[in-house]
Amino acid sequence: MTVRQEQRARAERTPPPASKWTDKAVYAAGAVVWRIVDGKLRILLIHRTKYRDVTLPKGKVDPGEMLAETAVREVHEETGIRVSLGVPVGVSRYHLASQKQKVVHYWAAEATDDAIRTSTFVPNREIAAVEWVSAKKARERLSYPVDLEILDFFTNLVEDGVLRTFPVIALRHAKALSRSEWDGTDAARPLTERGRKQAASIVGPLHAFGARKIVTSDAVRCIETVRPLAKALDRKLVKTEKISQDAWEDGTSDLRAVVGRRVRAGKPAVLCSHGPVLPGLLSEIALATGTIQGSYLSSAADLEPGAFSVVHLSATNPGSGIISIETHIPKV
């Protein structure tokens, strides 16, 4: 297998973050929290008081939450450490005593020095202790086979040298008034009530991936979609016609310039655009990173209003290809 083939295979085999939601399953999310100490990888384990076991931080989804924000919240509640999510590292499934299936989604998440210094953890009724260990010791201490499977996927990323990543997030604007309901120009169409709820609901998940830079089409429906995120992060929006639908339709868009700048910056960014424009955006990300294009890009671009695809790129070598892509759909 060539390097390019391996890049594509890695992107396509990444476990998806979304499962089919049913009342017969209990959904949860967590993370393999990691840091580098004196040049060596260390993984965070938690010792639970009630169950007398050693496991990875995780917890059940709260009402209204999306999986990514659950993972970040649970890591903070159980370890006192605030993290941003990296690449997904697997999904564990097992049955509870109630016979319901529990489905747990995991991401890699680096604990920065600042996050560790400001950790609020103290032993409590749920968590007796937290412990930083090597991957080898983690394998020896984890209590459950399903956790070992997650650790295996994580260590594969380590061996591939693609553990530290940053996301470029392609976001489709939330639900807007249809053209038949609007008398003004297409670019001025606003969000519906449902669209405004979607815009509010995705703030937490986008924040979970460390979103900081927000670039949006200059269409009103796109600006209104990311305005709640900008307010929550206290960040200014970068509005541009280069990724607008109007420019796309008249041939004056410049997706390559926008994508190239974000890839070169190497920092988490959100690109809010339109359904017809998204395939081009995803294609440009692949081109900018030397990734072979395939059907997985089409799937990542085929988004419902308010949904987004997170494209994870190597922080040390963005040109090494897409590491993984995951898609998130608002519950609203």
Foldseek 3Di string as FASTA:
>chain_A
DDLQVVQQVLAVPQDFQDDDDDPLEWEKEAEFEWEADPNAIWTKWFQWQPVRAIAGFMDTDDPLAFHLLRHQVRCCVRWQFGWAFAGWQDWFWDADPVRRIYIYTYTYTYGDPVRVVRRPDDADNTTRDMDIDHLVVCCVGHDDPSRVSSSVSQVVCVVVVQNDWAKEKEAEFAAWDDPVVDDDDPLATAHDPRRLVLLLSCLSNLVSNVADAEEEESRRSGCSSCVVNCVVNVHDYHYDNLQEPVCVVVVNHDLLVVLLVVLVVRHYHYYYYHLVRQLVNLVSLQVSQVHDDDVVSVVQSRDDHSKMKIFIAGSVRRNSHTSYIYIDDRPD
